[in-house]
Amino acid sequence: MNFAIIVAAGKSRRMKKNTNKIFLPLLSKPMGYYTLKAFQDCDLIDEIIVVTNKNEINKINKIKNQYQFTKIKNVVEGGKERQDSVYNGLMSIKNARNEDIIIVHNGSNPLIKESEIVECIDAAKQYGAAVAGFPLKDTIKRIDDDFVGKTLDRTNIYQIQTPQAIKYNLFIHAFKNAKRKNLKVTDDVALVEALGKKVKMVNCSYENIKITTEEDLKIAEGILIKRNNVNTKKK
C-alpha cells in the first residue's frame, strides 16, 4: 500500500496572516483542497493522513466531508517542528508493511501533479527513498556581512520540494536513528541520508512551488487559471 502524509501544521508566519495558510482562499477554495485533491485522485494512493494543528482538526474534517476526500483515514495533531509532525503522522499508521511506501507532502505545495506523485512512489519502490525537486536556474551567491562573499557553482544543485517518498521500514529505522543521535532535519529524506543511504532524485515541474508568501499565492492562482483554461479547451 501507499500512504500519503500531508503536513499541514505550520504557523504561516511568513505569510503574515492570522491563520494557517492551507485554509487561505486560492481561486475560491482553500489552498489545502488542491493538495488533497491531487492525492485523492491519484490511483496509487491508498490512504491519506493529514497532520495539522490541534485546533484545526475539525476544519480539515469539514474539507474532507465537503469535497468527499474519502481516502483521508486519519487527521492527527502535529508536533513542535515539522519533523515531529511527520513522525506523528507515521506513528498513526497501524497497517503498514515493511515494503509499503510512505509519501510525505507539504499541504502548502498545492500545484503537485499526479505524474510527479507516481514517479516518486515508483522511485522509492526501486531505491528505497526518493525526493522531488528541480535544478536551480539562477546564479547563486553567498553573502557575508551584506556583501558578496563568493559565487557558487550551481551545477547539480537542486531546490528540493515535496513529495518525498520512503519505504516504511526504512523510514522507521531512520527516525529511530535520528532520535538516538538527536538529529534535527528540515526535510524527510535527510533522515535517510543520515543513515548513509542514497536517495533518488526525481525531477518535478518548476510549478511545484511551496506557497510561503502572498506573492506565491498570486503565482499559484495564475498557474491554476492557466491549467483550468487548458482543461476547458480540451473538453
C-alpha atoms as a PDB file:
ATOM      1  CA  MET A   1       0.000   0.000   0.000  1.00  0.00           C
ATOM      2  CA  ASN A   2       0.970   3.628  -0.452  1.00  0.00           C
ATOM      3  CA  PHE A   3       0.254   6.057   2.396  1.00  0.00           C
ATOM      4  CA  ALA A   4       0.346   9.845   1.937  1.00  0.00           C
ATOM      5  CA  ILE A   5       1.145  12.039   4.925  1.00  0.00           C
ATOM      6  CA  ILE A   6       0.059  15.619   4.215  1.00  0.00           C
ATOM      7  CA  VAL A   7       1.858  18.012   6.557  1.00  0.00           C
ATOM      8  CA  ALA A   8      -0.369  20.990   7.362  1.00  0.00           C
ATOM      9  CA  ALA A   9       0.590  22.052  10.885  1.00  0.00           C
ATOM     10  CA  GLY A  10       2.559  25.189  10.105  1.00  0.00           C
ATOM     11  CA  LYS A  11       2.164  28.624  11.685  1.00  0.00           C
ATOM     12  CA  SER A  12       2.414  30.541   8.366  1.00  0.00           C
ATOM     13  CA  ARG A  13       4.471  33.352   9.939  1.00  0.00           C
ATOM     14  CA  ARG A  14       5.995  34.480   6.632  1.00  0.00           C
ATOM     15  CA  MET A  15       2.550  34.764   5.071  1.00  0.00           C
ATOM     16  CA  LYS A  16       1.739  37.394   7.728  1.00  0.00           C
ATOM     17  CA  LYS A  17      -1.801  36.092   8.052  1.00  0.00           C
ATOM     18  CA  ASN A  18      -3.563  35.233  11.262  1.00  0.00           C
ATOM     19  CA  THR A  19      -4.425  31.754  10.022  1.00  0.00           C
ATOM     20  CA  ASN A  20      -2.856  28.550   8.777  1.00  0.00           C
ATOM     21  CA  LYS A  21      -2.124  29.251   5.105  1.00  0.00           C
ATOM     22  CA  ILE A  22      -3.645  25.972   3.896  1.00  0.00           C
ATOM     23  CA  PHE A  23      -7.040  27.492   4.679  1.00  0.00           C
ATOM     24  CA  LEU A  24      -6.376  30.676   2.682  1.00  0.00           C
ATOM     25  CA  PRO A  25      -8.541  31.018  -0.444  1.00  0.00           C
ATOM     26  CA  LEU A  26      -6.999  30.006  -3.735  1.00  0.00           C
ATOM     27  CA  LEU A  27      -9.484  30.572  -6.584  1.00  0.00           C
ATOM     28  CA  SER A  28     -12.382  30.410  -4.108  1.00  0.00           C
ATOM     29  CA  LYS A  29     -11.286  27.133  -2.493  1.00  0.00           C
ATOM     30  CA  PRO A  30      -8.923  26.549   0.460  1.00  0.00           C
ATOM     31  CA  MET A  31      -5.328  26.063  -0.647  1.00  0.00           C
ATOM     32  CA  GLY A  32      -5.271  22.666   1.024  1.00  0.00           C
ATOM     33  CA  TYR A  33      -8.136  21.496  -1.212  1.00  0.00           C
ATOM     34  CA  TYR A  34      -5.844  21.354  -4.243  1.00  0.00           C
ATOM     35  CA  THR A  35      -3.176  19.410  -2.374  1.00  0.00           C
ATOM     36  CA  LEU A  36      -5.643  16.885  -1.016  1.00  0.00           C
ATOM     37  CA  LYS A  37      -7.424  16.519  -4.351  1.00  0.00           C
ATOM     38  CA  ALA A  38      -4.167  15.609  -6.103  1.00  0.00           C
ATOM     39  CA  PHE A  39      -3.645  12.698  -3.714  1.00  0.00           C
ATOM     40  CA  GLN A  40      -7.329  11.746  -3.613  1.00  0.00           C
ATOM     41  CA  ASP A  41      -7.361  11.469  -7.407  1.00  0.00           C
ATOM     42  CA  CYS A  42      -4.068   9.561  -7.667  1.00  0.00           C
ATOM     43  CA  ASP A  43      -4.809   5.855  -8.238  1.00  0.00           C
ATOM     44  CA  LEU A  44      -1.606   4.779  -6.473  1.00  0.00           C
ATOM     45  CA  ILE A  45      -2.562   6.402  -3.159  1.00  0.00           C
ATOM     46  CA  ASP A  46      -4.448   4.099  -0.814  1.00  0.00           C
ATOM     47  CA  GLU A  47      -4.729   6.204   2.340  1.00  0.00           C
ATOM     48  CA  ILE A  48      -4.170   9.837   3.322  1.00  0.00           C
ATOM     49  CA  ILE A  49      -3.164  11.049   6.776  1.00  0.00           C
ATOM     50  CA  VAL A  50      -3.367  14.789   7.426  1.00  0.00           C
ATOM     51  CA  VAL A  51      -1.239  16.299  10.188  1.00  0.00           C
ATOM     52  CA  THR A  52      -2.448  19.665  11.413  1.00  0.00           C
ATOM     53  CA  ASN A  53      -2.723  21.857  14.491  1.00  0.00           C
ATOM     54  CA  LYS A  54      -4.955  20.549  17.263  1.00  0.00           C
ATOM     55  CA  ASN A  55      -7.452  23.408  16.946  1.00  0.00           C
ATOM     56  CA  GLU A  56      -7.730  22.884  13.168  1.00  0.00           C
ATOM     57  CA  ILE A  57      -8.558  19.183  13.065  1.00  0.00           C
ATOM     58  CA  ASN A  58     -12.257  19.992  12.719  1.00  0.00           C
ATOM     59  CA  LYS A  59     -11.527  22.316   9.786  1.00  0.00           C
ATOM     60  CA  ILE A  60      -9.727  19.514   7.955  1.00  0.00           C
ATOM     61  CA  ASN A  61     -12.605  17.143   8.621  1.00  0.00           C
ATOM     62  CA  LYS A  62     -15.026  19.714   7.183  1.00  0.00           C
ATOM     63  CA  ILE A  63     -12.934  19.925   4.000  1.00  0.00           C
ATOM     64  CA  LYS A  64     -12.814  16.124   3.881  1.00  0.00           C
ATOM     65  CA  ASN A  65     -16.598  15.875   4.081  1.00  0.00           C
ATOM     66  CA  GLN A  66     -17.380  18.824   1.835  1.00  0.00           C
ATOM     67  CA  TYR A  67     -15.223  17.591  -1.051  1.00  0.00           C
ATOM     68  CA  GLN A  68     -15.659  13.860  -0.382  1.00  0.00           C
ATOM     69  CA  PHE A  69     -11.981  13.125   0.164  1.00  0.00           C
ATOM     70  CA  THR A  70     -12.672   9.517   1.082  1.00  0.00           C
ATOM     71  CA  LYS A  71      -9.018   8.481   1.199  1.00  0.00           C
ATOM     72  CA  ILE A  72      -8.407  10.608   4.304  1.00  0.00           C
ATOM     73  CA  LYS A  73      -8.387   7.951   7.018  1.00  0.00           C
ATOM     74  CA  ASN A  74      -6.929   9.971   9.881  1.00  0.00           C
ATOM     75  CA  VAL A  75      -6.338  13.576  10.926  1.00  0.00           C
ATOM     76  CA  VAL A  76      -3.702  13.822  13.647  1.00  0.00           C
ATOM     77  CA  GLU A  77      -2.175  16.552  15.751  1.00  0.00           C
ATOM     78  CA  GLY A  78       1.147  17.981  14.654  1.00  0.00           C
ATOM     79  CA  GLY A  79       4.275  18.410  16.728  1.00  0.00           C
ATOM     80  CA  LYS A  80       6.551  21.283  17.657  1.00  0.00           C
ATOM     81  CA  GLU A  81       8.624  21.062  14.468  1.00  0.00           C
ATOM     82  CA  ARG A  82       7.918  19.638  11.015  1.00  0.00           C
ATOM     83  CA  GLN A  83       9.984  16.554  11.822  1.00  0.00           C
ATOM     84  CA  ASP A  84       7.785  15.908  14.862  1.00  0.00           C
ATOM     85  CA  SER A  85       4.621  16.315  12.793  1.00  0.00           C
ATOM     86  CA  VAL A  86       5.786  13.804  10.195  1.00  0.00           C
ATOM     87  CA  TYR A  87       6.653  11.378  12.999  1.00  0.00           C
ATOM     88  CA  ASN A  88       3.152  11.744  14.457  1.00  0.00           C
ATOM     89  CA  GLY A  89       1.675  11.001  11.051  1.00  0.00           C
ATOM     90  CA  LEU A  90       3.913   7.977  10.586  1.00  0.00           C
ATOM     91  CA  MET A  91       3.067   6.584  14.022  1.00  0.00           C
ATOM     92  CA  SER A  92      -0.663   6.887  13.290  1.00  0.00           C
ATOM     93  CA  ILE A  93      -0.360   4.287  10.517  1.00  0.00           C
ATOM     94  CA  LYS A  94      -1.172   0.895  12.013  1.00  0.00           C
ATOM     95  CA  ASN A  95      -1.484  -1.366   8.981  1.00  0.00           C
ATOM     96  CA  ALA A  96       1.714  -0.677   7.027  1.00  0.00           C
ATOM     97  CA  ARG A  97       4.110  -3.392   5.918  1.00  0.00           C
ATOM     98  CA  ASN A  98       7.870  -3.017   5.565  1.00  0.00           C
ATOM     99  CA  GLU A  99       7.857  -2.504   1.799  1.00  0.00           C
ATOM    100  CA  ASP A 100       4.902  -0.111   1.736  1.00  0.00           C
ATOM    101  CA  ILE A 101       5.635   3.440   0.615  1.00  0.00           C
ATOM    102  CA  ILE A 102       5.129   6.496   2.813  1.00  0.00           C
ATOM    103  CA  ILE A 103       4.923   9.630   0.702  1.00  0.00           C
ATOM    104  CA  VAL A 104       5.185  12.925   2.594  1.00  0.00           C
ATOM    105  CA  HIS A 105       3.929  16.132   1.047  1.00  0.00           C
ATOM    106  CA  ASN A 106       3.524  19.709   2.240  1.00  0.00           C
ATOM    107  CA  GLY A 107      -0.049  20.935   2.395  1.00  0.00           C
ATOM    108  CA  SER A 108       1.326  24.221   1.061  1.00  0.00           C
ATOM    109  CA  ASN A 109       2.524  22.629  -2.216  1.00  0.00           C
ATOM    110  CA  PRO A 110      -0.894  22.644  -3.938  1.00  0.00           C
ATOM    111  CA  LEU A 111       0.364  22.503  -7.535  1.00  0.00           C
ATOM    112  CA  ILE A 112       1.726  18.955  -7.434  1.00  0.00           C
ATOM    113  CA  LYS A 113       0.843  16.803 -10.444  1.00  0.00           C
ATOM    114  CA  GLU A 114      -0.289  13.188 -10.306  1.00  0.00           C
ATOM    115  CA  SER A 115       2.582  12.130 -12.562  1.00  0.00           C
ATOM    116  CA  GLU A 116       5.079  13.526 -10.041  1.00  0.00           C
ATOM    117  CA  ILE A 117       3.455  11.611  -7.190  1.00  0.00           C
ATOM    118  CA  VAL A 118       3.624   8.424  -9.255  1.00  0.00           C
ATOM    119  CA  GLU A 119       7.270   8.957 -10.210  1.00  0.00           C
ATOM    120  CA  CYS A 120       8.281   9.449  -6.566  1.00  0.00           C
ATOM    121  CA  ILE A 121       6.449   6.300  -5.484  1.00  0.00           C
ATOM    122  CA  ASP A 122       7.995   4.242  -8.287  1.00  0.00           C
ATOM    123  CA  ALA A 123      11.481   5.525  -7.471  1.00  0.00           C
ATOM    124  CA  ALA A 124      11.062   4.786  -3.756  1.00  0.00           C
ATOM    125  CA  LYS A 125       9.947   1.243  -4.556  1.00  0.00           C
ATOM    126  CA  GLN A 126      13.126   0.723  -6.560  1.00  0.00           C
ATOM    127  CA  TYR A 127      15.672   2.649  -4.491  1.00  0.00           C
ATOM    128  CA  GLY A 128      14.145   2.892  -1.003  1.00  0.00           C
ATOM    129  CA  ALA A 129      13.779   6.671  -0.938  1.00  0.00           C
ATOM    130  CA  ALA A 130      13.092   9.444  -3.441  1.00  0.00           C
ATOM    131  CA  VAL A 131      12.642  13.192  -3.427  1.00  0.00           C
ATOM    132  CA  ALA A 132      11.149  15.674  -5.893  1.00  0.00           C
ATOM    133  CA  GLY A 133      12.902  18.874  -6.883  1.00  0.00           C
ATOM    134  CA  PHE A 134      14.151  20.972  -9.754  1.00  0.00           C
ATOM    135  CA  PRO A 135      17.594  22.268 -10.797  1.00  0.00           C
ATOM    136  CA  LEU A 136      18.422  25.860  -9.923  1.00  0.00           C
ATOM    137  CA  LYS A 137      18.342  28.229 -12.904  1.00  0.00           C
ATOM    138  CA  ASP A 138      19.796  31.369 -11.332  1.00  0.00           C
ATOM    139  CA  THR A 139      23.268  32.348 -10.224  1.00  0.00           C
ATOM    140  CA  ILE A 140      23.804  31.622  -6.528  1.00  0.00           C
ATOM    141  CA  LYS A 141      25.970  33.828  -4.313  1.00  0.00           C
ATOM    142  CA  ARG A 142      26.941  33.503  -0.675  1.00  0.00           C
ATOM    143  CA  ILE A 143      26.592  36.800   1.197  1.00  0.00           C
ATOM    144  CA  ASP A 144      28.963  37.762   4.019  1.00  0.00           C
ATOM    145  CA  ASP A 145      28.060  40.861   6.078  1.00  0.00           C
ATOM    146  CA  ASP A 146      25.792  42.201   3.309  1.00  0.00           C
ATOM    147  CA  PHE A 147      28.469  41.800   0.621  1.00  0.00           C
ATOM    148  CA  VAL A 148      29.042  39.058  -1.932  1.00  0.00           C
ATOM    149  CA  GLY A 149      31.438  36.563  -0.418  1.00  0.00           C
ATOM    150  CA  LYS A 150      31.514  34.002  -3.193  1.00  0.00           C
ATOM    151  CA  THR A 151      29.699  32.962  -6.358  1.00  0.00           C
ATOM    152  CA  LEU A 152      28.732  29.315  -6.024  1.00  0.00           C
ATOM    153  CA  ASP A 153      28.723  26.697  -8.754  1.00  0.00           C
ATOM    154  CA  ARG A 154      25.066  25.809  -9.336  1.00  0.00           C
ATOM    155  CA  THR A 155      25.891  22.681 -11.362  1.00  0.00           C
ATOM    156  CA  ASN A 156      23.907  19.743  -9.955  1.00  0.00           C
ATOM    157  CA  ILE A 157      22.323  21.992  -7.297  1.00  0.00           C
ATOM    158  CA  TYR A 158      18.610  21.340  -6.852  1.00  0.00           C
ATOM    159  CA  GLN A 159      15.841  23.103  -4.969  1.00  0.00           C
ATOM    160  CA  ILE A 160      14.096  20.383  -3.013  1.00  0.00           C
ATOM    161  CA  GLN A 161      10.325  20.205  -2.755  1.00  0.00           C
ATOM    162  CA  THR A 162       7.809  17.549  -1.819  1.00  0.00           C
ATOM    163  CA  PRO A 163       6.670  14.816  -2.326  1.00  0.00           C
ATOM    164  CA  GLN A 164       9.348  12.763  -0.606  1.00  0.00           C
ATOM    165  CA  ALA A 165       8.781   9.009  -0.594  1.00  0.00           C
ATOM    166  CA  ILE A 166      10.373   6.380   1.659  1.00  0.00           C
ATOM    167  CA  LYS A 167       9.774   2.684   2.330  1.00  0.00           C
ATOM    168  CA  TYR A 168       8.032   2.195   5.647  1.00  0.00           C
ATOM    169  CA  ASN A 169      10.705   0.056   7.340  1.00  0.00           C
ATOM    170  CA  LEU A 170      13.465   2.426   6.186  1.00  0.00           C
ATOM    171  CA  PHE A 171      11.524   5.433   7.470  1.00  0.00           C
ATOM    172  CA  ILE A 172      11.021   3.824  10.890  1.00  0.00           C
ATOM    173  CA  HIS A 173      14.718   2.942  11.051  1.00  0.00           C
ATOM    174  CA  ALA A 174      15.667   6.498  10.029  1.00  0.00           C
ATOM    175  CA  PHE A 175      13.521   8.044  12.771  1.00  0.00           C
ATOM    176  CA  LYS A 176      14.976   5.706  15.388  1.00  0.00           C
ATOM    177  CA  ASN A 177      18.469   6.720  14.297  1.00  0.00           C
ATOM    178  CA  ALA A 178      17.554  10.414  14.444  1.00  0.00           C
ATOM    179  CA  LYS A 179      16.142  10.033  17.939  1.00  0.00           C
ATOM    180  CA  ARG A 180      19.205   8.150  19.130  1.00  0.00           C
ATOM    181  CA  LYS A 181      21.560  10.803  17.722  1.00  0.00           C
ATOM    182  CA  ASN A 182      19.254  13.773  18.450  1.00  0.00           C
ATOM    183  CA  LEU A 183      19.253  14.789  14.779  1.00  0.00           C
ATOM    184  CA  LYS A 184      17.114  17.707  13.610  1.00  0.00           C
ATOM    185  CA  VAL A 185      16.386  17.970   9.894  1.00  0.00           C
ATOM    186  CA  THR A 186      14.207  20.164   7.689  1.00  0.00           C
ATOM    187  CA  ASP A 187      13.145  17.543   5.163  1.00  0.00           C
ATOM    188  CA  ASP A 188      12.269  13.870   5.329  1.00  0.00           C
ATOM    189  CA  VAL A 189      14.877  12.216   3.148  1.00  0.00           C
ATOM    190  CA  ALA A 190      17.641  13.884   5.180  1.00  0.00           C
ATOM    191  CA  LEU A 191      16.817  11.264   7.815  1.00  0.00           C
ATOM    192  CA  VAL A 192      17.613   8.575   5.251  1.00  0.00           C
ATOM    193  CA  GLU A 193      20.792  10.383   4.213  1.00  0.00           C
ATOM    194  CA  ALA A 194      21.863  10.324   7.875  1.00  0.00           C
ATOM    195  CA  LEU A 195      21.876   6.519   7.638  1.00  0.00           C
ATOM    196  CA  GLY A 196      24.326   6.697   4.763  1.00  0.00           C
ATOM    197  CA  LYS A 197      21.646   5.594   2.287  1.00  0.00           C
ATOM    198  CA  LYS A 198      21.196   7.014  -1.198  1.00  0.00           C
ATOM    199  CA  VAL A 199      18.090   8.980  -2.156  1.00  0.00           C
ATOM    200  CA  LYS A 200      16.849   9.023  -5.749  1.00  0.00           C
ATOM    201  CA  MET A 201      16.323  12.479  -7.260  1.00  0.00           C
ATOM    202  CA  VAL A 202      13.064  12.882  -9.199  1.00  0.00           C
ATOM    203  CA  ASN A 203      12.665  15.953 -11.373  1.00  0.00           C
ATOM    204  CA  CYS A 204       9.424  17.869 -10.892  1.00  0.00           C
ATOM    205  CA  SER A 205       7.943  20.896 -12.587  1.00  0.00           C
ATOM    206  CA  TYR A 206       9.019  24.415 -11.634  1.00  0.00           C
ATOM    207  CA  GLU A 207       5.316  24.951 -10.949  1.00  0.00           C
ATOM    208  CA  ASN A 208       5.556  22.716  -7.874  1.00  0.00           C
ATOM    209  CA  ILE A 209       6.344  25.569  -5.501  1.00  0.00           C
ATOM    210  CA  LYS A 210       5.794  25.844  -1.785  1.00  0.00           C
ATOM    211  CA  ILE A 211       3.390  28.677  -1.012  1.00  0.00           C
ATOM    212  CA  THR A 212       5.164  30.839   1.557  1.00  0.00           C
ATOM    213  CA  THR A 213       4.286  34.466   0.760  1.00  0.00           C
ATOM    214  CA  GLU A 214       1.365  36.438  -0.691  1.00  0.00           C
ATOM    215  CA  GLU A 215       3.342  36.699  -3.929  1.00  0.00           C
ATOM    216  CA  ASP A 216       3.458  32.899  -4.106  1.00  0.00           C
ATOM    217  CA  LEU A 217      -0.340  32.828  -3.785  1.00  0.00           C
ATOM    218  CA  LYS A 218      -0.683  35.110  -6.810  1.00  0.00           C
ATOM    219  CA  ILE A 219       1.705  32.924  -8.816  1.00  0.00           C
ATOM    220  CA  ALA A 220      -0.272  29.817  -7.849  1.00  0.00           C
ATOM    221  CA  GLU A 221      -3.517  31.463  -8.919  1.00  0.00           C
ATOM    222  CA  GLY A 222      -2.037  32.233 -12.326  1.00  0.00           C
ATOM    223  CA  ILE A 223      -0.853  28.639 -12.779  1.00  0.00           C
ATOM    224  CA  LEU A 224      -4.245  27.219 -11.781  1.00  0.00           C
ATOM    225  CA  ILE A 225      -6.093  29.591 -14.120  1.00  0.00           C
ATOM    226  CA  LYS A 226      -3.820  28.502 -16.964  1.00  0.00           C
ATOM    227  CA  ARG A 227      -4.377  24.817 -16.140  1.00  0.00           C
ATOM    228  CA  ASN A 228      -8.143  25.286 -15.951  1.00  0.00           C
ATOM    229  CA  ASN A 229      -8.198  27.072 -19.304  1.00  0.00           C
ATOM    230  CA  VAL A 230      -6.207  24.262 -20.898  1.00  0.00           C
ATOM    231  CA  ASN A 231      -8.562  21.637 -19.459  1.00  0.00           C
ATOM    232  CA  THR A 232     -11.612  23.598 -20.657  1.00  0.00           C
ATOM    233  CA  LYS A 233     -10.233  23.803 -24.192  1.00  0.00           C
ATOM    234  CA  LYS A 234      -9.547  20.055 -24.234  1.00  0.00           C
ATOM    235  CA  LYS A 235     -13.180  19.378 -23.388  1.00  0.00           C
END
